[in-house]
PDB file of N, CA and C in Angstrom:
ATOM      1  N   MET A   1     -62.723 198.700  74.982  1.00  0.00           N
ATOM      2  CA  MET A   1     -62.285 198.414  76.332  1.00  0.00           C
ATOM      3  C   MET A   1     -61.599 197.054  76.381  1.00  0.00           C
ATOM      4  N   VAL A   2     -60.588 196.951  77.217  1.00  0.00           N
ATOM      5  CA  VAL A   2     -59.862 195.705  77.443  1.00  0.00           C
ATOM      6  C   VAL A   2     -60.183 195.235  78.855  1.00  0.00           C
ATOM      7  N   GLN A   3     -60.592 193.973  78.957  1.00  0.00           N
ATOM      8  CA  GLN A   3     -60.865 193.379  80.257  1.00  0.00           C
ATOM      9  C   GLN A   3     -59.796 192.342  80.550  1.00  0.00           C
ATOM     10  N   ALA A   4     -59.505 192.151  81.844  1.00  0.00           N
ATOM     11  CA  ALA A   4     -58.515 191.156  82.234  1.00  0.00           C
ATOM     12  C   ALA A   4     -58.800 190.662  83.645  1.00  0.00           C
ATOM     13  N   PHE A   5     -58.300 189.463  83.904  1.00  0.00           N
ATOM     14  CA  PHE A   5     -58.266 188.945  85.263  1.00  0.00           C
ATOM     15  C   PHE A   5     -56.817 189.021  85.715  1.00  0.00           C
ATOM     16  N   VAL A   6     -56.601 189.546  86.910  1.00  0.00           N
ATOM     17  CA  VAL A   6     -55.259 189.623  87.472  1.00  0.00           C
ATOM     18  C   VAL A   6     -55.216 188.647  88.637  1.00  0.00           C
ATOM     19  N   LEU A   7     -54.349 187.641  88.517  1.00  0.00           N
ATOM     20  CA  LEU A   7     -54.190 186.631  89.555  1.00  0.00           C
ATOM     21  C   LEU A   7     -53.037 187.063  90.445  1.00  0.00           C
ATOM     22  N   ILE A   8     -53.268 187.066  91.760  1.00  0.00           N
ATOM     23  CA  ILE A   8     -52.294 187.649  92.682  1.00  0.00           C
ATOM     24  C   ILE A   8     -51.906 186.659  93.773  1.00  0.00           C
ATOM     25  N   GLN A   9     -50.614 186.549  94.006  1.00  0.00           N
ATOM     26  CA  GLN A   9     -50.101 185.826  95.166  1.00  0.00           C
ATOM     27  C   GLN A   9     -49.707 186.874  96.195  1.00  0.00           C
ATOM     28  N   THR A  10     -50.058 186.613  97.460  1.00  0.00           N
ATOM     29  CA  THR A  10     -49.777 187.571  98.521  1.00  0.00           C
ATOM     30  C   THR A  10     -48.888 186.942  99.593  1.00  0.00           C
ATOM     31  N   ASP A  11     -48.382 187.798 100.470  1.00  0.00           N
ATOM     32  CA  ASP A  11     -47.711 187.296 101.663  1.00  0.00           C
ATOM     33  C   ASP A  11     -48.733 186.519 102.484  1.00  0.00           C
ATOM     34  N   SER A  12     -48.263 185.581 103.270  1.00  0.00           N
ATOM     35  CA  SER A  12     -49.136 184.756 104.101  1.00  0.00           C
ATOM     36  C   SER A  12     -50.026 185.622 105.000  1.00  0.00           C
ATOM     37  N   GLY A  13     -51.324 185.335 104.964  1.00  0.00           N
ATOM     38  CA  GLY A  13     -52.274 186.042 105.813  1.00  0.00           C
ATOM     39  C   GLY A  13     -52.704 187.404 105.321  1.00  0.00           C
ATOM     40  N   LYS A  14     -52.303 187.815 104.125  1.00  0.00           N
ATOM     41  CA  LYS A  14     -52.589 189.159 103.617  1.00  0.00           C
ATOM     42  C   LYS A  14     -53.668 189.211 102.539  1.00  0.00           C
ATOM     43  N   ALA A  15     -54.247 188.071 102.155  1.00  0.00           N
ATOM     44  CA  ALA A  15     -55.168 188.032 101.017  1.00  0.00           C
ATOM     45  C   ALA A  15     -56.365 188.961 101.205  1.00  0.00           C
ATOM     46  N   SER A  16     -57.027 188.906 102.338  1.00  0.00           N
ATOM     47  CA  SER A  16     -58.217 189.744 102.558  1.00  0.00           C
ATOM     48  C   SER A  16     -57.868 191.221 102.538  1.00  0.00           C
ATOM     49  N   GLU A  17     -56.770 191.563 103.173  1.00  0.00           N
ATOM     50  CA  GLU A  17     -56.324 192.957 103.215  1.00  0.00           C
ATOM     51  C   GLU A  17     -55.997 193.475 101.815  1.00  0.00           C
ATOM     52  N   VAL A  18     -55.287 192.665 101.030  1.00  0.00           N
ATOM     53  CA  VAL A  18     -54.929 193.045  99.659  1.00  0.00           C
ATOM     54  C   VAL A  18     -56.187 193.172  98.801  1.00  0.00           C
ATOM     55  N   ALA A  19     -57.106 192.227  98.911  1.00  0.00           N
ATOM     56  CA  ALA A  19     -58.340 192.271  98.116  1.00  0.00           C
ATOM     57  C   ALA A  19     -59.134 193.540  98.419  1.00  0.00           C
ATOM     58  N   ARG A  20     -59.227 193.917  99.685  1.00  0.00           N
ATOM     59  CA  ARG A  20     -59.946 195.147 100.050  1.00  0.00           C
ATOM     60  C   ARG A  20     -59.268 196.381  99.476  1.00  0.00           C
ATOM     61  N   ALA A  21     -57.947 196.452  99.592  1.00  0.00           N
ATOM     62  CA  ALA A  21     -57.205 197.620  99.102  1.00  0.00           C
ATOM     63  C   ALA A  21     -57.345 197.763  97.587  1.00  0.00           C
ATOM     64  N   ILE A  22     -57.271 196.663  96.864  1.00  0.00           N
ATOM     65  CA  ILE A  22     -57.361 196.715  95.409  1.00  0.00           C
ATOM     66  C   ILE A  22     -58.771 197.059  94.954  1.00  0.00           C
ATOM     67  N   GLY A  23     -59.766 196.647  95.708  1.00  0.00           N
ATOM     68  CA  GLY A  23     -61.155 196.921  95.345  1.00  0.00           C
ATOM     69  C   GLY A  23     -61.479 198.394  95.218  1.00  0.00           C
ATOM     70  N   ASP A  24     -60.679 199.257  95.849  1.00  0.00           N
ATOM     71  CA  ASP A  24     -60.907 200.702  95.812  1.00  0.00           C
ATOM     72  C   ASP A  24     -60.215 201.398  94.639  1.00  0.00           C
ATOM     73  N   ILE A  25     -59.458 200.665  93.842  1.00  0.00           N
ATOM     74  CA  ILE A  25     -58.699 201.251  92.732  1.00  0.00           C
ATOM     75  C   ILE A  25     -59.605 201.453  91.524  1.00  0.00           C
ATOM     76  N   ASP A  26     -59.517 202.624  90.909  1.00  0.00           N
ATOM     77  CA  ASP A  26     -60.291 202.924  89.701  1.00  0.00           C
ATOM     78  C   ASP A  26     -59.867 201.983  88.579  1.00  0.00           C
ATOM     79  N   GLY A  27     -60.821 201.353  87.927  1.00  0.00           N
ATOM     80  CA  GLY A  27     -60.546 200.396  86.864  1.00  0.00           C
ATOM     81  C   GLY A  27     -60.713 198.958  87.321  1.00  0.00           C
ATOM     82  N   VAL A  28     -60.801 198.758  88.631  1.00  0.00           N
ATOM     83  CA  VAL A  28     -61.012 197.418  89.177  1.00  0.00           C
ATOM     84  C   VAL A  28     -62.514 197.189  89.304  1.00  0.00           C
ATOM     85  N   GLN A  29     -63.001 196.141  88.662  1.00  0.00           N
ATOM     86  CA  GLN A  29     -64.422 195.810  88.700  1.00  0.00           C
ATOM     87  C   GLN A  29     -64.770 194.979  89.936  1.00  0.00           C
ATOM     88  N   SER A  30     -63.894 194.049  90.290  1.00  0.00           N
ATOM     89  CA  SER A  30     -64.080 193.244  91.501  1.00  0.00           C
ATOM     90  C   SER A  30     -62.723 192.736  91.966  1.00  0.00           C
ATOM     91  N   SER A  31     -62.655 192.428  93.248  1.00  0.00           N
ATOM     92  CA  SER A  31     -61.424 191.935  93.848  1.00  0.00           C
ATOM     93  C   SER A  31     -61.818 190.974  94.963  1.00  0.00           C
ATOM     94  N   ASP A  32     -61.452 189.699  94.814  1.00  0.00           N
ATOM     95  CA  ASP A  32     -61.888 188.678  95.759  1.00  0.00           C
ATOM     96  C   ASP A  32     -60.736 187.807  96.230  1.00  0.00           C
ATOM     97  N   ALA A  33     -60.709 187.531  97.535  1.00  0.00           N
ATOM     98  CA  ALA A  33     -59.769 186.556  98.084  1.00  0.00           C
ATOM     99  C   ALA A  33     -60.291 185.166  97.734  1.00  0.00           C
ATOM    100  N   VAL A  34     -59.397 184.277  97.313  1.00  0.00           N
ATOM    101  CA  VAL A  34     -59.772 182.924  96.906  1.00  0.00           C
ATOM    102  C   VAL A  34     -58.786 181.921  97.500  1.00  0.00           C
ATOM    103  N   THR A  35     -59.105 180.635  97.365  1.00  0.00           N
ATOM    104  CA  THR A  35     -58.165 179.597  97.765  1.00  0.00           C
ATOM    105  C   THR A  35     -57.552 178.984  96.516  1.00  0.00           C
ATOM    106  N   GLY A  36     -56.423 178.338  96.676  1.00  0.00           N
ATOM    107  CA  GLY A  36     -55.738 177.727  95.544  1.00  0.00           C
ATOM    108  C   GLY A  36     -54.357 178.329  95.368  1.00  0.00           C
ATOM    109  N   PRO A  37     -53.775 178.194  94.177  1.00  0.00           N
ATOM    110  CA  PRO A  37     -52.413 178.692  93.963  1.00  0.00           C
ATOM    111  C   PRO A  37     -52.312 180.223  93.983  1.00  0.00           C
ATOM    112  N   TYR A  38     -53.438 180.910  93.794  1.00  0.00           N
ATOM    113  CA  TYR A  38     -53.459 182.364  93.884  1.00  0.00           C
ATOM    114  C   TYR A  38     -54.332 182.750  95.062  1.00  0.00           C
ATOM    115  N   ASP A  39     -54.068 183.916  95.634  1.00  0.00           N
ATOM    116  CA  ASP A  39     -54.762 184.347  96.841  1.00  0.00           C
ATOM    117  C   ASP A  39     -55.858 185.371  96.568  1.00  0.00           C
ATOM    118  N   VAL A  40     -55.712 186.126  95.491  1.00  0.00           N
ATOM    119  CA  VAL A  40     -56.687 187.156  95.130  1.00  0.00           C
ATOM    120  C   VAL A  40     -56.885 187.111  93.619  1.00  0.00           C
ATOM    121  N   ILE A  41     -58.141 187.247  93.187  1.00  0.00           N
ATOM    122  CA  ILE A  41     -58.434 187.373  91.758  1.00  0.00           C
ATOM    123  C   ILE A  41     -59.145 188.704  91.555  1.00  0.00           C
ATOM    124  N   VAL A  42     -58.628 189.480  90.600  1.00  0.00           N
ATOM    125  CA  VAL A  42     -59.148 190.811  90.302  1.00  0.00           C
ATOM    126  C   VAL A  42     -59.697 190.831  88.882  1.00  0.00           C
ATOM    127  N   ALA A  43     -60.873 191.383  88.697  1.00  0.00           N
ATOM    128  CA  ALA A  43     -61.406 191.667  87.365  1.00  0.00           C
ATOM    129  C   ALA A  43     -61.174 193.155  87.125  1.00  0.00           C
ATOM    130  N   ALA A  44     -60.468 193.470  86.047  1.00  0.00           N
ATOM    131  CA  ALA A  44     -60.116 194.861  85.757  1.00  0.00           C
ATOM    132  C   ALA A  44     -60.511 195.218  84.332  1.00  0.00           C
ATOM    133  N   GLU A  45     -60.637 196.518  84.090  1.00  0.00           N
ATOM    134  CA  GLU A  45     -61.014 197.012  82.771  1.00  0.00           C
ATOM    135  C   GLU A  45     -60.264 198.313  82.512  1.00  0.00           C
ATOM    136  N   ALA A  46     -59.791 198.471  81.272  1.00  0.00           N
ATOM    137  CA  ALA A  46     -59.082 199.685  80.873  1.00  0.00           C
ATOM    138  C   ALA A  46     -59.410 199.992  79.413  1.00  0.00           C
ATOM    139  N   SER A  47     -59.074 201.188  78.987  1.00  0.00           N
ATOM    140  CA  SER A  47     -59.421 201.629  77.636  1.00  0.00           C
ATOM    141  C   SER A  47     -58.647 200.884  76.550  1.00  0.00           C
ATOM    142  N   ASP A  48     -57.408 200.468  76.843  1.00  0.00           N
ATOM    143  CA  ASP A  48     -56.592 199.726  75.881  1.00  0.00           C
ATOM    144  C   ASP A  48     -55.530 198.934  76.638  1.00  0.00           C
ATOM    145  N   VAL A  49     -54.725 198.178  75.903  1.00  0.00           N
ATOM    146  CA  VAL A  49     -53.723 197.316  76.535  1.00  0.00           C
ATOM    147  C   VAL A  49     -52.691 198.129  77.303  1.00  0.00           C
ATOM    148  N   ASP A  50     -52.279 199.268  76.763  1.00  0.00           N
ATOM    149  CA  ASP A  50     -51.312 200.102  77.465  1.00  0.00           C
ATOM    150  C   ASP A  50     -51.879 200.611  78.788  1.00  0.00           C
ATOM    151  N   ALA A  51     -53.124 201.041  78.779  1.00  0.00           N
ATOM    152  CA  ALA A  51     -53.764 201.523  80.011  1.00  0.00           C
ATOM    153  C   ALA A  51     -53.914 200.386  81.016  1.00  0.00           C
ATOM    154  N   LEU A  52     -54.183 199.180  80.531  1.00  0.00           N
ATOM    155  CA  LEU A  52     -54.267 198.017  81.413  1.00  0.00           C
ATOM    156  C   LEU A  52     -52.916 197.766  82.073  1.00  0.00           C
ATOM    157  N   GLY A  53     -51.861 197.803  81.288  1.00  0.00           N
ATOM    158  CA  GLY A  53     -50.514 197.631  81.839  1.00  0.00           C
ATOM    159  C   GLY A  53     -50.191 198.671  82.887  1.00  0.00           C
ATOM    160  N   GLN A  54     -50.561 199.918  82.609  1.00  0.00           N
ATOM    161  CA  GLN A  54     -50.335 200.995  83.576  1.00  0.00           C
ATOM    162  C   GLN A  54     -51.107 200.750  84.867  1.00  0.00           C
ATOM    163  N   LEU A  55     -52.352 200.295  84.740  1.00  0.00           N
ATOM    164  CA  LEU A  55     -53.170 199.997  85.918  1.00  0.00           C
ATOM    165  C   LEU A  55     -52.492 198.935  86.777  1.00  0.00           C
ATOM    166  N   VAL A  56     -52.041 197.864  86.152  1.00  0.00           N
ATOM    167  CA  VAL A  56     -51.429 196.770  86.904  1.00  0.00           C
ATOM    168  C   VAL A  56     -50.105 197.202  87.527  1.00  0.00           C
ATOM    169  N   VAL A  57     -49.244 197.833  86.733  1.00  0.00           N
ATOM    170  CA  VAL A  57     -47.894 198.159  87.196  1.00  0.00           C
ATOM    171  C   VAL A  57     -47.868 199.324  88.194  1.00  0.00           C
ATOM    172  N   THR A  58     -48.693 200.339  87.969  1.00  0.00           N
ATOM    173  CA  THR A  58     -48.600 201.530  88.827  1.00  0.00           C
ATOM    174  C   THR A  58     -49.606 201.586  89.966  1.00  0.00           C
ATOM    175  N   LYS A  59     -50.702 200.818  89.866  1.00  0.00           N
ATOM    176  CA  LYS A  59     -51.720 200.904  90.915  1.00  0.00           C
ATOM    177  C   LYS A  59     -51.920 199.599  91.678  1.00  0.00           C
ATOM    178  N   ILE A  60     -51.863 198.462  90.998  1.00  0.00           N
ATOM    179  CA  ILE A  60     -52.117 197.185  91.673  1.00  0.00           C
ATOM    180  C   ILE A  60     -50.835 196.628  92.300  1.00  0.00           C
ATOM    181  N   GLN A  61     -49.770 196.502  91.530  1.00  0.00           N
ATOM    182  CA  GLN A  61     -48.546 195.885  92.053  1.00  0.00           C
ATOM    183  C   GLN A  61     -47.952 196.586  93.275  1.00  0.00           C
ATOM    184  N   PRO A  62     -48.061 197.906  93.405  1.00  0.00           N
ATOM    185  CA  PRO A  62     -47.492 198.547  94.598  1.00  0.00           C
ATOM    186  C   PRO A  62     -48.252 198.287  95.913  1.00  0.00           C
ATOM    187  N   VAL A  63     -49.426 197.665  95.856  1.00  0.00           N
ATOM    188  CA  VAL A  63     -50.191 197.411  97.081  1.00  0.00           C
ATOM    189  C   VAL A  63     -49.366 196.518  98.015  1.00  0.00           C
ATOM    190  N   THR A  64     -49.256 196.941  99.249  1.00  0.00           N
ATOM    191  CA  THR A  64     -48.488 196.207 100.249  1.00  0.00           C
ATOM    192  C   THR A  64     -49.053 194.805 100.440  1.00  0.00           C
ATOM    193  N   GLY A  65     -48.177 193.810 100.428  1.00  0.00           N
ATOM    194  CA  GLY A  65     -48.575 192.427 100.644  1.00  0.00           C
ATOM    195  C   GLY A  65     -48.574 191.584  99.382  1.00  0.00           C
ATOM    196  N   ILE A  66     -48.458 192.230  98.215  1.00  0.00           N
ATOM    197  CA  ILE A  66     -48.439 191.484  96.956  1.00  0.00           C
ATOM    198  C   ILE A  66     -47.034 190.944  96.693  1.00  0.00           C
ATOM    199  N   VAL A  67     -46.971 189.666  96.341  1.00  0.00           N
ATOM    200  CA  VAL A  67     -45.702 189.019  96.009  1.00  0.00           C
ATOM    201  C   VAL A  67     -45.537 188.926  94.499  1.00  0.00           C
ATOM    202  N   ARG A  68     -46.617 188.530  93.787  1.00  0.00           N
ATOM    203  CA  ARG A  68     -46.524 188.310  92.345  1.00  0.00           C
ATOM    204  C   ARG A  68     -47.899 188.476  91.718  1.00  0.00           C
ATOM    205  N   THR A  69     -47.916 188.976  90.461  1.00  0.00           N
ATOM    206  CA  THR A  69     -49.161 189.089  89.718  1.00  0.00           C
ATOM    207  C   THR A  69     -49.037 188.391  88.363  1.00  0.00           C
ATOM    208  N   LEU A  70     -50.167 187.942  87.862  1.00  0.00           N
ATOM    209  CA  LEU A  70     -50.238 187.366  86.518  1.00  0.00           C
ATOM    210  C   LEU A  70     -51.482 187.959  85.866  1.00  0.00           C
ATOM    211  N   THR A  71     -51.293 188.707  84.783  1.00  0.00           N
ATOM    212  CA  THR A  71     -52.404 189.361  84.097  1.00  0.00           C
ATOM    213  C   THR A  71     -52.874 188.513  82.935  1.00  0.00           C
ATOM    214  N   CYS A  72     -54.184 188.219  82.904  1.00  0.00           N
ATOM    215  CA  CYS A  72     -54.781 187.372  81.884  1.00  0.00           C
ATOM    216  C   CYS A  72     -55.850 188.178  81.136  1.00  0.00           C
ATOM    217  N   PRO A  73     -55.488 188.783  79.988  1.00  0.00           N
ATOM    218  CA  PRO A  73     -56.493 189.543  79.223  1.00  0.00           C
ATOM    219  C   PRO A  73     -57.609 188.621  78.707  1.00  0.00           C
ATOM    220  N   VAL A  74     -58.803 189.141  78.690  1.00  0.00           N
ATOM    221  CA  VAL A  74     -59.956 188.409  78.197  1.00  0.00           C
ATOM    222  C   VAL A  74     -59.983 188.501  76.675  1.00  0.00           C
ATOM    223  N   VAL A  75     -60.206 187.372  76.004  1.00  0.00           N
ATOM    224  CA  VAL A  75     -60.336 187.357  74.556  1.00  0.00           C
ATOM    225  C   VAL A  75     -61.743 186.898  74.198  1.00  0.00           C
ATOM    226  N   LYS A  76     -62.285 187.459  73.146  1.00  0.00           N
ATOM    227  CA  LYS A  76     -63.605 187.081  72.671  1.00  0.00           C
ATOM    228  C   LYS A  76     -63.399 186.303  71.378  1.00  0.00           C
ATOM    229  N   LEU A  77     -63.554 184.989  71.414  1.00  0.00           N
ATOM    230  CA  LEU A  77     -63.321 184.147  70.237  1.00  0.00           C
ATOM    231  C   LEU A  77     -64.620 183.835  69.532  1.00  0.00           C
TER     232      LEU A  77
END
């Protein structure tokens, strides 16, 4: 399994709405509105890197209110 954090910037005032919508997506472990340079942080999990990319591109990015995403895969050192 591949785990990642997806950092999301949203339109102004949309963070809570986006976090709720993403929380219902299969493969999303948690979705929280935060303060700082990003508005929502998502913990996601997929079977491999390709499946993770598909999750982000086809299910997370199309959510209304998202401006930009940054995917940070988890590494075990």
